[in-house]
Amino acid sequence: MEIIFIVLILVLISLINAINFYLLVDKKIHLKEAFKLTSVATALNRILFTGSGYLTSSYFCRNKNLSPSKALSAFFLLEFFPISLWLILGVYFGGKLAIKVPLVFIGILSILVIVNWRKKNRCILLVKNILEHFREMRKGFFLIIPFVIFNITLLVTYYFFLFKLFSFQPDILSAIKIISLSFTLGYLSPAPGGLGFKEAGLVFLLMENGFAFSSAMLLAILDRVLITAFWAILASLLGFDLIKEEIKKRFKRKNG
């Protein structure tokens, strides 16, 4: 029964992500398209390196009534809210490693700058466009805050059902501590979705709460499999249309 609730929660999280994206881009695209783009972005972020999904989905926006830079700006903002919350909670609960997270982001940005140095003019233009879109999206901030809070509540609920599968029923404060610290450690990982770091943190924190190592490891692996498989399946179903649109556009361009 818990598995059914877990899947329903993940569906709701996906839908709310789409609504937030839809609102941030001023409803320039249909909600159905927003659902496709955000689902594909989330899946690729968990399968490839973090940020790859946002870049890919922003690229697909060329075929829609939405500029890639505006889409990328919206994705950045959607990522900013939950990351900020988990980092703040991580620091509050003693996750001192969270302070190093900005260094990871700076390192990634530095690599991107070096790789794209030859295209610096285009990169500078992209940054200017993103900053301009940030200013345009100020009104959207207030619209999505209730949805962001609801999404975070859903995520916490997801872990409560996951814990229940292993007969573990922590109080709300303990659950938030486990989730926030494991997420904080996950942000330190260069691998997709905090692979390795997040699981290690989750196992350690569960063992602190009386879990045997084997049970804690099984829960962490199940968490990774459920989340990755869910968005991978969803993206494979929805991403086909995006790829088909891109192929059609390229085919027309060649024959035009």
Protein backbone atom coordinates (compact mmCIF):
# COMPACT_ATOMS: atom_id res chain seq x y z
CA MET A 1 0.00 0.00 0.00
CA GLU A 2 2.84 2.37 0.84
CA ILE A 3 4.31 1.90 -2.65
CA ILE A 4 1.04 3.10 -4.22
CA PHE A 5 1.06 6.23 -2.07
CA ILE A 6 4.73 6.81 -2.90
CA VAL A 7 4.03 6.68 -6.66
CA LEU A 8 1.03 9.01 -6.27
CA ILE A 9 3.18 11.47 -4.32
CA LEU A 10 5.85 11.43 -7.06
CA VAL A 11 3.15 12.07 -9.67
CA LEU A 12 1.89 15.05 -7.66
CA ILE A 13 5.43 16.41 -7.26
CA SER A 14 5.92 16.16 -11.04
CA LEU A 15 2.64 17.95 -11.70
CA ILE A 16 3.44 20.76 -9.26
CA ASN A 17 6.89 21.21 -10.81
CA ALA A 18 5.13 21.65 -14.15
CA ILE A 19 2.68 24.19 -12.69
CA ASN A 20 5.53 26.21 -11.16
CA PHE A 21 7.44 26.22 -14.45
CA TYR A 22 4.24 27.15 -16.32
CA LEU A 23 3.65 30.13 -14.01
CA LEU A 24 7.28 31.32 -14.09
CA VAL A 25 7.36 31.47 -17.90
CA ASP A 26 4.14 33.54 -17.88
CA LYS A 27 2.06 30.72 -19.40
CA LYS A 28 3.94 31.02 -22.70
CA ILE A 29 3.41 27.29 -23.27
CA HIS A 30 0.64 24.83 -22.46
CA LEU A 31 0.70 23.12 -19.07
CA LYS A 32 1.02 19.77 -20.87
CA GLU A 33 4.24 20.98 -22.53
CA ALA A 34 5.52 22.27 -19.19
CA PHE A 35 4.89 18.81 -17.72
CA LYS A 36 6.93 17.19 -20.50
CA LEU A 37 9.82 19.64 -20.16
CA THR A 38 10.09 19.48 -16.36
CA SER A 39 9.78 15.68 -16.30
CA VAL A 40 12.52 15.24 -18.90
CA ALA A 41 14.71 17.77 -17.06
CA THR A 42 14.30 15.99 -13.72
CA ALA A 43 15.01 12.58 -15.25
CA LEU A 44 18.18 13.70 -17.03
CA ASN A 45 19.43 15.46 -13.90
CA ARG A 46 19.18 12.12 -12.09
CA ILE A 47 20.61 9.99 -14.89
CA LEU A 48 23.33 12.35 -16.17
CA PHE A 49 25.07 15.21 -14.35
CA THR A 50 23.06 17.80 -12.45
CA GLY A 51 21.93 20.62 -14.74
CA SER A 52 22.05 18.53 -17.92
CA GLY A 53 18.27 18.13 -17.80
CA TYR A 54 17.71 21.87 -17.56
CA LEU A 55 20.03 22.54 -20.49
CA THR A 56 18.39 19.85 -22.63
CA SER A 57 14.81 20.90 -21.87
CA SER A 58 15.71 24.55 -22.47
CA TYR A 59 17.12 23.52 -25.85
CA PHE A 60 13.82 21.79 -26.71
CA CYS A 61 12.03 25.08 -25.99
CA ARG A 62 13.33 26.41 -29.29
CA ASN A 63 10.47 24.51 -30.93
CA LYS A 64 7.90 26.22 -28.73
CA ASN A 65 6.78 29.74 -28.01
CA LEU A 66 9.48 30.11 -25.36
CA SER A 67 13.09 31.22 -25.55
CA PRO A 68 15.70 28.77 -24.18
CA SER A 69 17.20 31.46 -21.94
CA LYS A 70 13.82 32.16 -20.32
CA ALA A 71 13.24 28.44 -19.78
CA LEU A 72 16.70 28.08 -18.23
CA SER A 73 15.97 31.03 -15.93
CA ALA A 74 12.77 29.37 -14.75
CA PHE A 75 14.61 26.09 -14.10
CA PHE A 76 17.26 27.93 -12.07
CA LEU A 77 14.59 29.52 -9.90
CA LEU A 78 12.76 26.21 -9.41
CA GLU A 79 16.03 24.64 -8.26
CA PHE A 80 16.92 27.57 -6.01
CA PHE A 81 13.94 27.29 -3.63
CA PRO A 82 14.28 23.65 -2.47
CA ILE A 83 18.09 23.76 -2.44
CA SER A 84 18.03 26.87 -0.24
CA LEU A 85 15.62 25.25 2.20
CA TRP A 86 17.55 21.98 2.54
CA LEU A 87 20.86 23.81 2.92
CA ILE A 88 19.44 26.09 5.62
CA LEU A 89 18.00 23.10 7.48
CA GLY A 90 21.23 21.18 6.92
CA VAL A 91 23.23 23.96 8.55
CA TYR A 92 20.67 24.24 11.34
CA PHE A 93 20.89 20.53 12.13
CA GLY A 94 24.66 20.60 12.13
CA GLY A 95 25.41 19.88 8.48
CA LYS A 96 28.58 22.00 8.35
CA LEU A 97 29.47 20.43 5.02
CA ALA A 98 26.65 22.46 3.50
CA ILE A 99 28.96 25.49 3.59
CA LYS A 100 31.11 23.79 0.94
CA VAL A 101 28.23 23.42 -1.50
CA PRO A 102 28.64 26.87 -3.09
CA LEU A 103 32.27 25.92 -3.78
CA VAL A 104 31.03 22.93 -5.78
CA PHE A 105 28.76 25.17 -7.82
CA ILE A 106 31.59 27.66 -8.35
CA GLY A 107 33.82 24.81 -9.51
CA ILE A 108 31.20 23.59 -11.99
CA LEU A 109 30.65 27.11 -13.29
CA SER A 110 34.41 27.59 -13.65
CA ILE A 111 34.67 24.44 -15.77
CA LEU A 112 31.79 25.60 -17.94
CA VAL A 113 33.44 28.99 -18.40
CA ILE A 114 36.75 27.40 -19.43
CA VAL A 115 35.07 24.98 -21.84
CA ASN A 116 32.96 27.71 -23.40
CA TRP A 117 35.64 30.42 -23.44
CA ARG A 118 35.71 30.43 -27.24
CA LYS A 119 32.01 31.17 -27.22
CA LYS A 120 32.28 33.79 -24.51
CA ASN A 121 30.22 36.37 -26.42
CA ARG A 122 27.31 33.97 -26.68
CA CYS A 123 27.73 33.00 -23.02
CA ILE A 124 27.73 36.64 -21.93
CA LEU A 125 24.57 37.24 -23.95
CA LEU A 126 22.95 34.18 -22.34
CA VAL A 127 23.80 35.42 -18.82
CA LYS A 128 22.36 38.86 -19.65
CA ASN A 129 19.17 37.26 -20.95
CA ILE A 130 18.86 35.09 -17.84
CA LEU A 131 19.28 38.09 -15.53
CA GLU A 132 16.68 39.98 -17.53
CA HIS A 133 14.26 37.07 -17.26
CA PHE A 134 14.84 36.95 -13.49
CA ARG A 135 13.55 40.50 -13.29
CA GLU A 136 10.55 39.61 -15.42
CA MET A 137 9.70 36.65 -13.19
CA ARG A 138 9.50 38.60 -9.94
CA LYS A 139 5.70 38.44 -9.95
CA GLY A 140 5.87 34.70 -10.49
CA PHE A 141 7.85 34.24 -7.26
CA PHE A 142 4.82 34.91 -5.11
CA LEU A 143 2.57 32.73 -7.24
CA ILE A 144 4.72 29.63 -6.90
CA ILE A 145 5.64 29.89 -3.20
CA PRO A 146 2.49 27.98 -2.01
CA PHE A 147 3.19 25.27 -4.60
CA VAL A 148 6.83 25.04 -3.55
CA ILE A 149 5.82 24.62 0.08
CA PHE A 150 3.29 21.97 -0.91
CA ASN A 151 5.93 20.14 -2.97
CA ILE A 152 8.34 20.10 -0.05
CA THR A 153 5.55 18.77 2.18
CA LEU A 154 4.91 16.03 -0.38
CA LEU A 155 8.59 15.12 -0.42
CA VAL A 156 8.63 14.78 3.37
CA THR A 157 5.47 12.66 3.14
CA TYR A 158 7.17 10.47 0.53
CA TYR A 159 9.95 9.69 3.03
CA PHE A 160 7.45 8.98 5.78
CA PHE A 161 5.87 6.27 3.59
CA LEU A 162 9.32 4.99 2.62
CA PHE A 163 10.30 4.79 6.30
CA LYS A 164 7.02 3.05 7.07
CA LEU A 165 7.97 0.25 4.65
CA PHE A 166 10.79 -0.52 7.07
CA SER A 167 8.60 -0.11 10.19
CA PHE A 168 10.35 3.16 11.06
CA GLN A 169 8.07 5.97 12.22
CA PRO A 170 10.13 8.98 13.32
CA ASP A 171 8.67 12.21 14.63
CA ILE A 172 8.50 15.11 12.18
CA LEU A 173 11.63 16.82 13.52
CA SER A 174 13.74 13.64 13.24
CA ALA A 175 12.44 12.99 9.72
CA ILE A 176 13.27 16.52 8.56
CA LYS A 177 16.74 16.23 10.10
CA ILE A 178 17.42 12.97 8.23
CA ILE A 179 16.08 14.33 4.94
CA SER A 180 17.80 17.72 5.10
CA LEU A 181 21.22 16.37 6.08
CA SER A 182 21.16 13.59 3.47
CA PHE A 183 20.13 16.12 0.80
CA THR A 184 22.84 18.52 1.95
CA LEU A 185 25.46 15.80 1.59
CA GLY A 186 23.96 14.89 -1.78
CA TYR A 187 24.62 18.40 -3.08
CA LEU A 188 28.33 17.78 -2.55
CA SER A 189 28.34 14.92 -5.03
CA PRO A 190 29.30 15.64 -8.65
CA ALA A 191 27.36 12.50 -9.63
CA PRO A 192 23.69 12.61 -10.78
CA GLY A 193 21.21 13.44 -8.03
CA GLY A 194 23.84 13.34 -5.29
CA LEU A 195 24.59 9.68 -6.01
CA GLY A 196 26.75 8.11 -3.32
CA PHE A 197 26.94 11.08 -0.98
CA LYS A 198 23.18 11.25 -0.37
CA GLU A 199 22.95 7.49 0.21
CA ALA A 200 25.94 7.51 2.56
CA GLY A 201 24.38 10.32 4.59
CA LEU A 202 21.02 8.59 4.68
CA VAL A 203 22.55 5.28 5.82
CA PHE A 204 24.58 6.99 8.56
CA LEU A 205 21.60 8.97 9.87
CA LEU A 206 19.33 5.92 9.84
CA MET A 207 21.92 3.91 11.76
CA GLU A 208 22.00 6.71 14.33
CA ASN A 209 18.28 6.07 14.75
CA GLY A 210 18.76 2.37 15.45
CA PHE A 211 18.75 0.88 11.94
CA ALA A 212 20.99 -2.07 11.18
CA PHE A 213 23.49 -1.31 8.40
CA SER A 214 21.87 -3.79 5.98
CA SER A 215 18.38 -2.32 6.49
CA ALA A 216 19.63 1.26 6.19
CA MET A 217 21.50 0.39 2.99
CA LEU A 218 18.44 -1.34 1.53
CA LEU A 219 16.27 1.69 2.28
CA ALA A 220 18.79 4.06 0.67
CA ILE A 221 19.04 1.88 -2.45
CA LEU A 222 15.25 1.58 -2.68
CA ASP A 223 14.96 5.36 -2.41
CA ARG A 224 17.42 5.81 -5.29
CA VAL A 225 15.75 3.14 -7.46
CA LEU A 226 12.21 4.45 -6.89
CA ILE A 227 12.99 8.08 -7.67
CA THR A 228 15.30 7.39 -10.62
CA ALA A 229 13.04 4.75 -12.17
CA PHE A 230 9.92 6.87 -11.77
CA TRP A 231 11.30 9.90 -13.60
CA ALA A 232 13.17 7.78 -16.14
CA ILE A 233 9.95 6.01 -17.12
CA LEU A 234 7.97 9.26 -17.11
CA ALA A 235 10.58 11.03 -19.23
CA SER A 236 10.84 8.17 -21.70
CA LEU A 237 7.08 8.38 -22.26
CA LEU A 238 6.89 12.16 -22.47
CA GLY A 239 10.29 12.91 -24.02
CA PHE A 240 9.49 11.04 -27.22
CA ASP A 241 7.31 13.93 -28.44
CA LEU A 242 10.05 16.46 -27.70
CA ILE A 243 12.63 14.44 -29.66
CA LYS A 244 10.15 13.94 -32.52
CA GLU A 245 9.54 17.70 -32.73
CA GLU A 246 13.28 18.37 -32.85
CA ILE A 247 13.81 15.78 -35.63
CA LYS A 248 10.94 17.26 -37.66
CA LYS A 249 12.37 20.73 -37.31
CA ARG A 250 15.82 19.62 -38.44
CA PHE A 251 14.33 17.67 -41.35
CA LYS A 252 12.38 20.72 -42.54
CA ARG A 253 15.47 22.86 -42.22
CA LYS A 254 17.48 20.50 -44.41
CA ASN A 255 14.75 20.32 -47.03
CA GLY A 256 13.94 24.01 -46.85
